[in-house]
N, C-alpha and C. Protein backbone atom coordinates (compact mmCIF):
# COMPACT_ATOMS: atom_id res chain seq x y z
N MET A 1 -37.78 -39.78 62.30
CA MET A 1 -36.52 -40.48 62.15
C MET A 1 -35.52 -39.56 61.46
N PRO A 2 -34.35 -39.31 62.08
CA PRO A 2 -33.35 -38.41 61.47
C PRO A 2 -32.93 -38.94 60.11
N GLY A 3 -32.83 -38.05 59.15
CA GLY A 3 -32.38 -38.43 57.82
C GLY A 3 -33.50 -38.83 56.89
N TYR A 4 -34.74 -38.86 57.40
CA TYR A 4 -35.88 -39.22 56.57
C TYR A 4 -36.99 -38.20 56.74
N PRO A 5 -36.79 -36.98 56.26
CA PRO A 5 -37.78 -35.90 56.46
C PRO A 5 -39.12 -36.21 55.83
N LEU A 6 -39.15 -36.94 54.70
CA LEU A 6 -40.43 -37.26 54.06
C LEU A 6 -41.29 -38.13 54.96
N LEU A 7 -40.66 -39.13 55.59
CA LEU A 7 -41.41 -39.99 56.50
C LEU A 7 -41.89 -39.22 57.71
N ASN A 8 -41.06 -38.28 58.19
CA ASN A 8 -41.49 -37.44 59.31
C ASN A 8 -42.76 -36.68 58.96
N LYS A 9 -42.81 -36.12 57.74
CA LYS A 9 -43.97 -35.35 57.30
C LYS A 9 -45.18 -36.24 57.13
N LEU A 10 -44.98 -37.44 56.53
CA LEU A 10 -46.09 -38.35 56.34
C LEU A 10 -46.69 -38.78 57.66
N GLU A 11 -45.83 -39.12 58.62
CA GLU A 11 -46.31 -39.63 59.90
C GLU A 11 -47.03 -38.55 60.70
N LYS A 12 -46.60 -37.30 60.52
CA LYS A 12 -47.19 -36.22 61.31
C LYS A 12 -48.49 -35.73 60.72
N HIS A 13 -48.59 -35.68 59.39
CA HIS A 13 -49.72 -34.99 58.77
C HIS A 13 -50.67 -35.87 57.98
N TYR A 14 -50.17 -36.95 57.40
CA TYR A 14 -51.01 -37.60 56.42
C TYR A 14 -51.38 -39.04 56.77
N ILE A 15 -50.45 -39.96 56.65
CA ILE A 15 -50.79 -41.36 56.82
C ILE A 15 -49.88 -42.00 57.86
N PRO A 16 -50.12 -41.76 59.13
CA PRO A 16 -49.25 -42.24 60.19
C PRO A 16 -49.07 -43.75 60.17
N PHE A 17 -50.10 -44.49 59.83
CA PHE A 17 -49.99 -45.95 59.86
C PHE A 17 -48.97 -46.44 58.84
N TYR A 18 -49.10 -45.96 57.58
CA TYR A 18 -48.19 -46.41 56.54
C TYR A 18 -46.78 -45.85 56.74
N ALA A 19 -46.70 -44.64 57.22
CA ALA A 19 -45.38 -44.09 57.51
C ALA A 19 -44.68 -44.90 58.59
N SER A 20 -45.43 -45.31 59.60
CA SER A 20 -44.85 -46.12 60.67
C SER A 20 -44.36 -47.45 60.15
N LEU A 21 -45.13 -48.04 59.22
CA LEU A 21 -44.69 -49.30 58.63
C LEU A 21 -43.39 -49.12 57.85
N CYS A 22 -43.30 -48.00 57.13
CA CYS A 22 -42.07 -47.72 56.39
C CYS A 22 -40.89 -47.57 57.34
N ARG A 23 -41.11 -46.86 58.44
CA ARG A 23 -40.06 -46.71 59.43
C ARG A 23 -39.62 -48.07 59.97
N LEU A 24 -40.60 -48.93 60.25
CA LEU A 24 -40.29 -50.24 60.78
C LEU A 24 -39.44 -51.04 59.81
N LEU A 25 -39.79 -50.98 58.52
CA LEU A 25 -39.01 -51.68 57.51
C LEU A 25 -37.58 -51.14 57.42
N LEU A 26 -37.45 -49.82 57.55
CA LEU A 26 -36.10 -49.23 57.51
C LEU A 26 -35.25 -49.70 58.69
N VAL A 27 -35.87 -49.70 59.86
CA VAL A 27 -35.13 -50.16 61.05
C VAL A 27 -34.74 -51.61 60.90
N PHE A 28 -35.70 -52.44 60.44
CA PHE A 28 -35.43 -53.87 60.29
C PHE A 28 -34.34 -54.12 59.25
N THR A 29 -34.39 -53.37 58.12
CA THR A 29 -33.38 -53.52 57.08
C THR A 29 -32.00 -53.16 57.60
N THR A 30 -31.93 -52.08 58.39
CA THR A 30 -30.66 -51.66 58.96
C THR A 30 -30.12 -52.72 59.92
N TRP A 31 -31.03 -53.30 60.70
CA TRP A 31 -30.60 -54.29 61.69
C TRP A 31 -30.16 -55.59 61.04
N TRP A 32 -30.89 -56.01 59.99
CA TRP A 32 -30.65 -57.31 59.40
C TRP A 32 -29.58 -57.22 58.32
N GLN A 33 -28.35 -57.08 58.72
CA GLN A 33 -27.21 -57.03 57.82
C GLN A 33 -26.43 -58.34 57.95
N PRO A 34 -25.93 -58.90 56.86
CA PRO A 34 -25.17 -60.14 56.94
C PRO A 34 -23.89 -59.95 57.75
N VAL A 35 -23.59 -60.91 58.57
CA VAL A 35 -22.41 -60.84 59.43
C VAL A 35 -21.26 -61.56 58.75
N GLU A 36 -20.14 -60.83 58.57
CA GLU A 36 -18.96 -61.42 57.96
C GLU A 36 -18.28 -62.36 58.96
N GLN A 37 -17.39 -63.22 58.45
CA GLN A 37 -16.66 -64.15 59.29
C GLN A 37 -15.88 -63.36 60.35
N SER A 38 -16.15 -63.64 61.60
CA SER A 38 -15.52 -62.90 62.69
C SER A 38 -15.01 -63.87 63.74
N SER A 39 -14.19 -63.31 64.63
CA SER A 39 -13.68 -64.12 65.74
C SER A 39 -14.78 -64.33 66.75
N PRO A 40 -14.66 -65.31 67.66
CA PRO A 40 -15.69 -65.55 68.69
C PRO A 40 -16.00 -64.31 69.52
N ILE A 41 -14.96 -63.52 69.84
CA ILE A 41 -15.19 -62.30 70.64
C ILE A 41 -16.01 -61.31 69.85
N GLU A 42 -15.66 -61.15 68.56
CA GLU A 42 -16.40 -60.21 67.72
C GLU A 42 -17.84 -60.66 67.53
N LEU A 43 -18.04 -62.00 67.40
CA LEU A 43 -19.40 -62.52 67.24
C LEU A 43 -20.23 -62.26 68.48
N THR A 44 -19.61 -62.42 69.67
CA THR A 44 -20.34 -62.18 70.92
C THR A 44 -20.75 -60.73 71.03
N GLN A 45 -19.80 -59.83 70.69
CA GLN A 45 -20.12 -58.40 70.73
C GLN A 45 -21.21 -58.07 69.72
N SER A 46 -21.12 -58.69 68.53
CA SER A 46 -22.12 -58.43 67.50
C SER A 46 -23.49 -58.91 67.95
N ASN A 47 -23.54 -60.09 68.59
CA ASN A 47 -24.82 -60.62 69.07
C ASN A 47 -25.42 -59.73 70.14
N ASN A 48 -24.57 -59.17 71.00
CA ASN A 48 -25.07 -58.25 72.04
C ASN A 48 -25.71 -57.03 71.42
N PHE A 49 -25.03 -56.52 70.38
CA PHE A 49 -25.60 -55.36 69.69
C PHE A 49 -26.92 -55.74 69.00
N LYS A 50 -26.98 -56.96 68.43
CA LYS A 50 -28.20 -57.39 67.75
C LYS A 50 -29.36 -57.50 68.74
N ILE A 51 -29.09 -58.02 69.92
CA ILE A 51 -30.14 -58.13 70.95
C ILE A 51 -30.65 -56.75 71.33
N HIS A 52 -29.69 -55.81 71.49
CA HIS A 52 -30.09 -54.45 71.82
C HIS A 52 -30.94 -53.85 70.71
N ASP A 53 -30.51 -54.08 69.45
CA ASP A 53 -31.29 -53.56 68.31
C ASP A 53 -32.67 -54.19 68.24
N MET A 54 -32.73 -55.49 68.57
CA MET A 54 -34.02 -56.16 68.55
C MET A 54 -34.97 -55.56 69.57
N LYS A 55 -34.47 -55.23 70.76
CA LYS A 55 -35.30 -54.59 71.78
C LYS A 55 -35.82 -53.24 71.28
N GLN A 56 -34.92 -52.48 70.64
CA GLN A 56 -35.35 -51.20 70.09
C GLN A 56 -36.41 -51.39 69.00
N LEU A 57 -36.24 -52.44 68.21
CA LEU A 57 -37.19 -52.72 67.14
C LEU A 57 -38.58 -53.01 67.70
N PHE A 58 -38.64 -53.86 68.71
CA PHE A 58 -39.94 -54.19 69.31
C PHE A 58 -40.54 -52.98 70.01
N SER A 59 -39.69 -52.18 70.64
CA SER A 59 -40.18 -50.97 71.29
C SER A 59 -40.78 -50.02 70.27
N PHE A 60 -40.11 -49.89 69.14
CA PHE A 60 -40.61 -49.02 68.08
C PHE A 60 -41.93 -49.54 67.52
N LEU A 61 -42.03 -50.87 67.35
CA LEU A 61 -43.25 -51.47 66.82
C LEU A 61 -44.43 -51.20 67.74
N ILE A 62 -44.25 -51.40 69.03
CA ILE A 62 -45.33 -51.18 69.99
C ILE A 62 -45.74 -49.72 70.00
N THR A 63 -44.75 -48.82 69.98
CA THR A 63 -45.06 -47.39 69.97
C THR A 63 -45.82 -46.99 68.71
N SER A 64 -45.42 -47.54 67.56
CA SER A 64 -46.09 -47.23 66.30
C SER A 64 -47.54 -47.68 66.32
N LEU A 65 -47.76 -48.90 66.82
CA LEU A 65 -49.13 -49.40 66.90
C LEU A 65 -49.97 -48.56 67.83
N PHE A 66 -49.39 -48.13 68.94
CA PHE A 66 -50.11 -47.30 69.91
C PHE A 66 -50.50 -45.97 69.29
N LEU A 67 -49.54 -45.33 68.60
CA LEU A 67 -49.82 -44.05 67.97
C LEU A 67 -50.86 -44.19 66.86
N THR A 68 -50.83 -45.30 66.14
CA THR A 68 -51.81 -45.53 65.09
C THR A 68 -53.21 -45.66 65.67
N CYS A 69 -53.34 -46.38 66.79
CA CYS A 69 -54.65 -46.52 67.43
C CYS A 69 -55.18 -45.17 67.89
N ILE A 70 -54.30 -44.33 68.45
CA ILE A 70 -54.71 -43.00 68.89
C ILE A 70 -55.17 -42.17 67.70
N SER A 71 -54.41 -42.24 66.60
CA SER A 71 -54.75 -41.48 65.40
C SER A 71 -56.11 -41.90 64.87
N ASN A 72 -56.35 -43.23 64.79
CA ASN A 72 -57.64 -43.71 64.30
C ASN A 72 -58.78 -43.29 65.21
N SER A 73 -58.52 -43.28 66.52
CA SER A 73 -59.55 -42.88 67.48
C SER A 73 -59.92 -41.42 67.30
N VAL A 74 -58.91 -40.57 67.07
CA VAL A 74 -59.17 -39.14 66.88
C VAL A 74 -59.98 -38.91 65.61
N ILE A 75 -59.61 -39.66 64.54
CA ILE A 75 -60.33 -39.51 63.28
C ILE A 75 -61.79 -39.93 63.45
N ALA A 76 -62.01 -41.02 64.23
CA ALA A 76 -63.37 -41.53 64.40
C ALA A 76 -64.24 -40.60 65.22
N GLN A 77 -63.64 -39.70 65.99
CA GLN A 77 -64.40 -38.84 66.87
C GLN A 77 -64.63 -37.45 66.28
N ASN A 78 -64.87 -37.40 64.97
CA ASN A 78 -65.19 -36.14 64.31
C ASN A 78 -66.49 -35.60 64.89
N PRO A 79 -66.46 -34.46 65.56
CA PRO A 79 -67.67 -33.97 66.24
C PRO A 79 -68.80 -33.63 65.28
N ARG A 80 -68.49 -33.15 64.08
CA ARG A 80 -69.56 -32.83 63.12
C ARG A 80 -70.25 -34.10 62.65
N GLU A 81 -69.48 -35.14 62.37
CA GLU A 81 -70.08 -36.39 61.93
C GLU A 81 -70.93 -37.00 63.05
N ALA A 82 -70.44 -36.94 64.28
CA ALA A 82 -71.21 -37.46 65.41
C ALA A 82 -72.55 -36.73 65.55
N GLU A 83 -72.54 -35.42 65.34
CA GLU A 83 -73.77 -34.65 65.45
C GLU A 83 -74.75 -35.00 64.33
N ILE A 84 -74.25 -35.17 63.11
CA ILE A 84 -75.12 -35.54 61.99
C ILE A 84 -75.72 -36.93 62.24
N ARG A 85 -74.93 -37.85 62.74
CA ARG A 85 -75.46 -39.18 63.05
C ARG A 85 -76.55 -39.11 64.12
N ARG A 86 -76.34 -38.25 65.10
CA ARG A 86 -77.34 -38.08 66.15
C ARG A 86 -78.65 -37.53 65.56
N LEU A 87 -78.52 -36.53 64.70
CA LEU A 87 -79.71 -35.93 64.08
C LEU A 87 -80.41 -36.90 63.13
N GLU A 88 -79.64 -37.68 62.40
CA GLU A 88 -80.24 -38.69 61.52
C GLU A 88 -81.07 -39.68 62.33
N ASN A 89 -80.53 -40.11 63.45
CA ASN A 89 -81.27 -41.05 64.28
C ASN A 89 -82.50 -40.39 64.91
N LEU A 90 -82.35 -39.12 65.29
CA LEU A 90 -83.48 -38.39 65.86
C LEU A 90 -84.58 -38.23 64.81
N GLU A 91 -84.21 -37.93 63.58
CA GLU A 91 -85.19 -37.77 62.50
C GLU A 91 -85.91 -39.09 62.23
N ARG A 92 -85.15 -40.18 62.23
CA ARG A 92 -85.74 -41.52 62.01
C ARG A 92 -86.73 -41.87 63.13
N GLU A 93 -86.29 -41.68 64.38
CA GLU A 93 -87.16 -42.00 65.51
C GLU A 93 -88.41 -41.10 65.53
N SER A 94 -88.23 -39.84 65.18
CA SER A 94 -89.37 -38.91 65.18
C SER A 94 -90.37 -39.26 64.08
N ALA A 95 -89.87 -39.70 62.93
CA ALA A 95 -90.76 -40.13 61.85
C ALA A 95 -91.52 -41.38 62.27
N LEU A 96 -90.83 -42.31 62.95
CA LEU A 96 -91.47 -43.54 63.40
C LEU A 96 -92.56 -43.24 64.42
N LYS A 97 -92.33 -42.24 65.28
CA LYS A 97 -93.30 -41.88 66.31
C LYS A 97 -94.30 -40.82 65.84
N ALA A 98 -94.12 -40.35 64.62
CA ALA A 98 -94.94 -39.25 64.09
C ALA A 98 -94.87 -38.04 65.02
N ASP A 99 -93.66 -37.74 65.48
CA ASP A 99 -93.43 -36.62 66.40
C ASP A 99 -93.27 -35.33 65.60
N SER A 100 -94.37 -34.66 65.34
CA SER A 100 -94.34 -33.47 64.49
C SER A 100 -93.57 -32.32 65.13
N ALA A 101 -93.60 -32.22 66.46
CA ALA A 101 -92.91 -31.11 67.13
C ALA A 101 -91.41 -31.15 66.85
N VAL A 102 -90.83 -32.32 66.93
CA VAL A 102 -89.39 -32.45 66.66
C VAL A 102 -89.09 -32.26 65.19
N LEU A 103 -89.86 -32.91 64.33
CA LEU A 103 -89.61 -32.83 62.89
C LEU A 103 -89.79 -31.41 62.36
N PHE A 104 -90.87 -30.75 62.78
CA PHE A 104 -91.17 -29.42 62.24
C PHE A 104 -90.25 -28.34 62.80
N ASP A 105 -89.92 -28.45 64.08
CA ASP A 105 -89.20 -27.37 64.75
C ASP A 105 -87.69 -27.57 64.84
N LYS A 106 -87.23 -28.85 64.80
CA LYS A 106 -85.81 -29.10 65.05
C LYS A 106 -85.08 -29.79 63.91
N ILE A 107 -85.80 -30.40 62.98
CA ILE A 107 -85.13 -31.20 61.94
C ILE A 107 -85.31 -30.62 60.54
N TRP A 108 -86.56 -30.53 60.10
CA TRP A 108 -86.83 -30.13 58.72
C TRP A 108 -86.73 -28.63 58.54
N SER A 109 -86.00 -28.22 57.50
CA SER A 109 -85.95 -26.81 57.13
C SER A 109 -87.28 -26.39 56.50
N PRO A 110 -87.70 -25.15 56.69
CA PRO A 110 -88.93 -24.67 56.03
C PRO A 110 -88.84 -24.71 54.51
N ASN A 111 -87.61 -24.78 54.00
CA ASN A 111 -87.41 -24.80 52.54
C ASN A 111 -87.03 -26.19 52.02
N MET A 112 -87.21 -27.22 52.82
CA MET A 112 -86.79 -28.55 52.41
C MET A 112 -87.54 -29.05 51.18
N LEU A 113 -86.82 -29.71 50.28
CA LEU A 113 -87.41 -30.37 49.12
C LEU A 113 -87.19 -31.87 49.24
N ILE A 114 -88.15 -32.65 48.74
CA ILE A 114 -88.07 -34.11 48.85
C ILE A 114 -88.35 -34.75 47.50
N ASN A 115 -87.44 -35.61 47.07
CA ASN A 115 -87.70 -36.48 45.92
C ASN A 115 -88.29 -37.75 46.51
N THR A 116 -89.60 -37.88 46.49
CA THR A 116 -90.32 -38.86 47.29
C THR A 116 -90.24 -40.27 46.71
N PRO A 117 -90.54 -41.29 47.54
CA PRO A 117 -90.60 -42.67 47.04
C PRO A 117 -91.67 -42.86 45.97
N ALA A 118 -92.63 -41.94 45.89
CA ALA A 118 -93.66 -42.01 44.85
C ALA A 118 -93.18 -41.40 43.53
N ASN A 119 -91.88 -41.08 43.48
CA ASN A 119 -91.27 -40.50 42.28
C ASN A 119 -91.85 -39.13 41.95
N GLU A 120 -92.12 -38.37 42.98
CA GLU A 120 -92.62 -37.01 42.83
C GLU A 120 -91.74 -36.07 43.65
N VAL A 121 -91.62 -34.83 43.20
CA VAL A 121 -90.91 -33.82 43.97
C VAL A 121 -91.89 -33.17 44.93
N GLY A 122 -91.57 -33.22 46.20
CA GLY A 122 -92.46 -32.66 47.21
C GLY A 122 -91.78 -31.57 48.02
N THR A 123 -92.58 -30.91 48.84
CA THR A 123 -92.08 -29.85 49.71
C THR A 123 -92.28 -30.25 51.16
N VAL A 124 -91.70 -29.46 52.04
CA VAL A 124 -91.86 -29.75 53.46
C VAL A 124 -93.31 -29.62 53.89
N GLU A 125 -94.04 -28.72 53.28
CA GLU A 125 -95.45 -28.57 53.62
C GLU A 125 -96.24 -29.82 53.24
N GLY A 126 -95.88 -30.42 52.13
CA GLY A 126 -96.53 -31.66 51.73
C GLY A 126 -96.23 -32.79 52.71
N SER A 127 -94.98 -32.86 53.17
CA SER A 127 -94.61 -33.88 54.15
C SER A 127 -95.33 -33.66 55.48
N LYS A 128 -95.49 -32.40 55.86
CA LYS A 128 -96.22 -32.11 57.09
C LYS A 128 -97.68 -32.56 56.98
N ALA A 129 -98.28 -32.31 55.82
CA ALA A 129 -99.67 -32.70 55.62
C ALA A 129 -99.83 -34.22 55.67
N LYS A 130 -98.88 -34.94 55.06
CA LYS A 130 -98.93 -36.40 55.09
C LYS A 130 -98.75 -36.93 56.52
N LEU A 131 -97.86 -36.29 57.27
CA LEU A 131 -97.65 -36.72 58.65
C LEU A 131 -98.91 -36.53 59.48
N ARG A 132 -99.57 -35.39 59.31
CA ARG A 132 -100.79 -35.11 60.08
C ARG A 132 -101.93 -36.06 59.71
N SER A 133 -101.99 -36.49 58.44
CA SER A 133 -103.10 -37.34 57.98
C SER A 133 -102.81 -38.82 58.15
N GLY A 134 -101.63 -39.17 58.67
CA GLY A 134 -101.30 -40.58 58.88
C GLY A 134 -100.71 -41.26 57.68
N ASN A 135 -100.33 -40.50 56.67
CA ASN A 135 -99.73 -41.08 55.47
C ASN A 135 -98.23 -41.28 55.58
N LEU A 136 -97.67 -41.05 56.75
CA LEU A 136 -96.26 -41.34 57.01
C LEU A 136 -96.13 -42.20 58.27
N ASP A 137 -97.07 -43.11 58.47
CA ASP A 137 -97.05 -43.99 59.64
C ASP A 137 -96.26 -45.26 59.34
N TYR A 138 -95.45 -45.68 60.31
CA TYR A 138 -94.63 -46.87 60.10
C TYR A 138 -94.75 -47.82 61.28
N LEU A 139 -94.72 -49.12 60.97
CA LEU A 139 -94.59 -50.14 62.00
C LEU A 139 -93.14 -50.26 62.46
N SER A 140 -92.23 -50.07 61.52
CA SER A 140 -90.80 -50.08 61.83
C SER A 140 -90.07 -49.22 60.81
N PHE A 141 -88.91 -48.71 61.25
CA PHE A 141 -88.14 -47.82 60.39
C PHE A 141 -86.67 -47.96 60.80
N GLU A 142 -85.88 -48.54 59.90
CA GLU A 142 -84.45 -48.70 60.15
C GLU A 142 -83.67 -47.94 59.09
N ARG A 143 -82.54 -47.36 59.52
CA ARG A 143 -81.72 -46.58 58.59
C ARG A 143 -80.26 -46.97 58.78
N ASN A 144 -79.61 -47.30 57.67
CA ASN A 144 -78.20 -47.67 57.69
C ASN A 144 -77.40 -46.62 56.94
N ILE A 145 -76.63 -45.83 57.67
CA ILE A 145 -75.81 -44.77 57.05
C ILE A 145 -74.52 -45.40 56.52
N GLU A 146 -74.26 -45.20 55.24
CA GLU A 146 -73.07 -45.77 54.62
C GLU A 146 -71.98 -44.73 54.39
N LYS A 147 -72.37 -43.46 54.24
CA LYS A 147 -71.37 -42.43 53.95
C LYS A 147 -71.87 -41.07 54.38
N ILE A 148 -70.99 -40.31 55.03
CA ILE A 148 -71.27 -38.91 55.36
C ILE A 148 -70.10 -38.07 54.85
N THR A 149 -70.39 -37.07 54.05
CA THR A 149 -69.35 -36.16 53.56
C THR A 149 -69.75 -34.72 53.86
N PHE A 150 -68.74 -33.87 53.99
CA PHE A 150 -68.97 -32.47 54.30
C PHE A 150 -68.37 -31.58 53.21
N ASN A 151 -69.10 -30.54 52.88
CA ASN A 151 -68.62 -29.51 51.96
C ASN A 151 -68.95 -28.17 52.60
N ASP A 152 -67.95 -27.60 53.27
CA ASP A 152 -68.15 -26.38 54.06
C ASP A 152 -69.26 -26.62 55.09
N ASN A 153 -70.36 -25.90 54.97
CA ASN A 153 -71.43 -26.03 55.96
C ASN A 153 -72.57 -26.93 55.48
N VAL A 154 -72.27 -27.81 54.53
CA VAL A 154 -73.27 -28.75 54.01
C VAL A 154 -72.79 -30.17 54.28
N ALA A 155 -73.71 -31.00 54.80
CA ALA A 155 -73.42 -32.42 55.03
C ALA A 155 -74.33 -33.26 54.14
N ILE A 156 -73.75 -34.27 53.50
CA ILE A 156 -74.51 -35.18 52.64
C ILE A 156 -74.42 -36.59 53.22
N VAL A 157 -75.57 -37.18 53.43
CA VAL A 157 -75.65 -38.51 54.05
C VAL A 157 -76.30 -39.46 53.06
N MET A 158 -75.68 -40.64 52.86
CA MET A 158 -76.23 -41.64 51.94
C MET A 158 -76.24 -43.01 52.59
N GLY A 159 -77.21 -43.82 52.17
CA GLY A 159 -77.29 -45.17 52.70
C GLY A 159 -78.58 -45.85 52.30
N GLY A 160 -79.01 -46.79 53.16
CA GLY A 160 -80.22 -47.55 52.88
C GLY A 160 -81.20 -47.50 54.05
N GLU A 161 -82.47 -47.68 53.73
CA GLU A 161 -83.53 -47.71 54.73
C GLU A 161 -84.41 -48.93 54.53
N THR A 162 -84.92 -49.47 55.63
CA THR A 162 -85.89 -50.55 55.58
C THR A 162 -87.08 -50.14 56.44
N ILE A 163 -88.26 -50.07 55.83
CA ILE A 163 -89.45 -49.62 56.55
C ILE A 163 -90.59 -50.62 56.40
N LYS A 164 -91.56 -50.54 57.32
CA LYS A 164 -92.82 -51.26 57.21
C LYS A 164 -93.94 -50.25 57.36
N PRO A 165 -94.52 -49.80 56.25
CA PRO A 165 -95.63 -48.84 56.34
C PRO A 165 -96.86 -49.49 56.98
N LYS A 166 -97.72 -48.65 57.54
CA LYS A 166 -98.97 -49.17 58.10
C LYS A 166 -100.15 -48.28 57.69
N ALA A 167 -101.30 -48.61 58.23
CA ALA A 167 -102.54 -47.88 57.94
C ALA A 167 -102.86 -47.97 56.46
N HIS A 168 -103.22 -46.83 55.84
CA HIS A 168 -103.65 -46.86 54.44
C HIS A 168 -102.56 -46.40 53.48
N GLN A 169 -101.32 -46.55 53.90
CA GLN A 169 -100.21 -46.22 52.99
C GLN A 169 -100.06 -47.30 51.93
N ALA A 170 -99.35 -46.93 50.84
CA ALA A 170 -98.98 -47.93 49.84
C ALA A 170 -98.01 -48.92 50.48
N ASN A 171 -98.16 -50.20 50.14
CA ASN A 171 -97.32 -51.28 50.65
C ASN A 171 -97.47 -51.48 52.16
N ALA A 172 -98.61 -51.15 52.71
CA ALA A 172 -98.84 -51.31 54.14
C ALA A 172 -98.65 -52.76 54.55
N GLY A 173 -97.90 -52.96 55.64
CA GLY A 173 -97.64 -54.30 56.16
C GLY A 173 -96.51 -55.02 55.47
N LYS A 174 -95.99 -54.48 54.40
CA LYS A 174 -94.88 -55.11 53.68
C LYS A 174 -93.54 -54.49 54.10
N THR A 175 -92.47 -55.20 53.80
CA THR A 175 -91.12 -54.70 54.08
C THR A 175 -90.60 -54.00 52.82
N VAL A 176 -90.31 -52.73 52.98
CA VAL A 176 -89.88 -51.90 51.83
C VAL A 176 -88.43 -51.48 52.03
N SER A 177 -87.60 -51.79 51.05
CA SER A 177 -86.20 -51.37 51.07
C SER A 177 -86.02 -50.19 50.12
N ARG A 178 -85.27 -49.21 50.54
CA ARG A 178 -85.05 -48.05 49.68
C ARG A 178 -83.68 -47.43 49.93
N ARG A 179 -83.20 -46.74 48.94
CA ARG A 179 -81.95 -45.98 49.05
C ARG A 179 -82.32 -44.53 49.39
N PHE A 180 -81.47 -43.89 50.19
CA PHE A 180 -81.79 -42.52 50.58
C PHE A 180 -80.57 -41.61 50.50
N THR A 181 -80.84 -40.34 50.34
CA THR A 181 -79.85 -39.27 50.45
C THR A 181 -80.48 -38.13 51.23
N ASN A 182 -79.82 -37.71 52.29
CA ASN A 182 -80.27 -36.56 53.07
C ASN A 182 -79.21 -35.47 53.02
N VAL A 183 -79.64 -34.24 52.85
CA VAL A 183 -78.72 -33.10 52.78
C VAL A 183 -79.02 -32.16 53.94
N TRP A 184 -77.97 -31.84 54.70
CA TRP A 184 -78.10 -30.97 55.87
C TRP A 184 -77.32 -29.67 55.67
N LEU A 185 -77.87 -28.58 56.19
CA LEU A 185 -77.22 -27.27 56.10
C LEU A 185 -77.01 -26.72 57.51
N TYR A 186 -75.78 -26.27 57.77
CA TYR A 186 -75.49 -25.65 59.06
C TYR A 186 -75.63 -24.13 58.92
N LYS A 187 -76.62 -23.59 59.63
CA LYS A 187 -76.91 -22.16 59.54
C LYS A 187 -77.50 -21.70 60.87
N ASN A 188 -77.09 -20.51 61.29
CA ASN A 188 -77.56 -19.94 62.56
C ASN A 188 -77.31 -20.90 63.73
N ASN A 189 -76.12 -21.50 63.71
CA ASN A 189 -75.66 -22.36 64.82
C ASN A 189 -76.46 -23.66 64.97
N ARG A 190 -77.06 -24.13 63.91
CA ARG A 190 -77.77 -25.40 63.98
C ARG A 190 -77.84 -26.06 62.60
N TRP A 191 -77.97 -27.40 62.62
CA TRP A 191 -78.14 -28.16 61.39
C TRP A 191 -79.63 -28.37 61.12
N SER A 192 -80.02 -28.28 59.86
CA SER A 192 -81.39 -28.60 59.46
C SER A 192 -81.35 -29.33 58.11
N MET A 193 -82.31 -30.22 57.91
CA MET A 193 -82.38 -30.98 56.67
C MET A 193 -83.02 -30.12 55.59
N ILE A 194 -82.30 -29.92 54.49
CA ILE A 194 -82.80 -29.06 53.42
C ILE A 194 -83.24 -29.84 52.18
N ALA A 195 -82.84 -31.10 52.10
CA ALA A 195 -83.25 -31.92 50.94
C ALA A 195 -83.18 -33.39 51.31
N ARG A 196 -84.04 -34.16 50.67
CA ARG A 196 -84.09 -35.60 50.92
C ARG A 196 -84.54 -36.32 49.66
N GLN A 197 -83.97 -37.48 49.44
CA GLN A 197 -84.37 -38.36 48.34
C GLN A 197 -84.52 -39.77 48.90
N ALA A 198 -85.60 -40.47 48.55
CA ALA A 198 -85.80 -41.86 48.95
C ALA A 198 -86.37 -42.62 47.76
N THR A 199 -85.68 -43.67 47.33
CA THR A 199 -86.10 -44.44 46.17
C THR A 199 -86.30 -45.90 46.56
N ILE A 200 -87.47 -46.42 46.28
CA ILE A 200 -87.78 -47.82 46.61
C ILE A 200 -87.04 -48.75 45.64
N ILE A 201 -86.36 -49.74 46.20
CA ILE A 201 -85.63 -50.71 45.37
C ILE A 201 -86.19 -52.12 45.51
N LYS A 202 -86.96 -52.36 46.58
CA LYS A 202 -87.51 -53.73 46.75
C LYS A 202 -88.69 -53.67 47.71
N VAL A 203 -89.73 -54.48 47.41
CA VAL A 203 -90.90 -54.63 48.28
C VAL A 203 -91.14 -56.12 48.49
N GLU A 204 -91.22 -56.52 49.75
CA GLU A 204 -91.41 -57.95 50.07
C GLU A 204 -92.63 -58.13 50.97
C-alpha cells in the first residue's frame, strides 16, 4: 500500500496475515468517513463513490485471505520437517515390527545414546541387543509429535508415546504412556537419530 512502507515490509517478510488485517482496517477507516450535509446530487455522487469503494474493499479482503492461505500452505510444506516426520514414523513402525535392518542401517546412528524408560543411560548397541532378544517387542506403538525444531543440521522432536509391551518385557500387556525426545543429525546427505529419551508417566 503506497504511503505505508512498514506494512509493505510486514506483509512481504514477516506476518502477512496481520499486515493484511491492518491494511483492511486502514482501507475501511478511509472509506467510512462521516458525510456532511450535502445536496441530493452531491449525495448521489457520494453514494456512487461509496459503492465503488465497497467493491474495492471486498476485493481487497478476498485477495488478502487468498494470499494468507497460500502463505500458510507454504509454511506447512517445510521439506525438512516433512522428512523428519517421515523418519519418525518409519522408526516407530520399524520398532513395532522389530525390523532391525531399517533401524540399524537407516535410522539409528552408531553413536546414538538413549535415556531409557528404565531410567538408565544406554547405547545403540544395548538397544540392538534388546531388539534381538525380544526385549523391545510391542503389541502397539503410537507416537504423537508435538514439536519439531531445527538448529542448523540438528532436528529436535518432542511429544508423547503410547505403547503396549509384550512377551517378557516390564508392563507386558499394559498401556504405557511416556514422554519422548528424539534428536536427529543431518550428515553425509542423510538424517540419523543420535539421541533419544523416553520417560514413563503412566501405566494402566
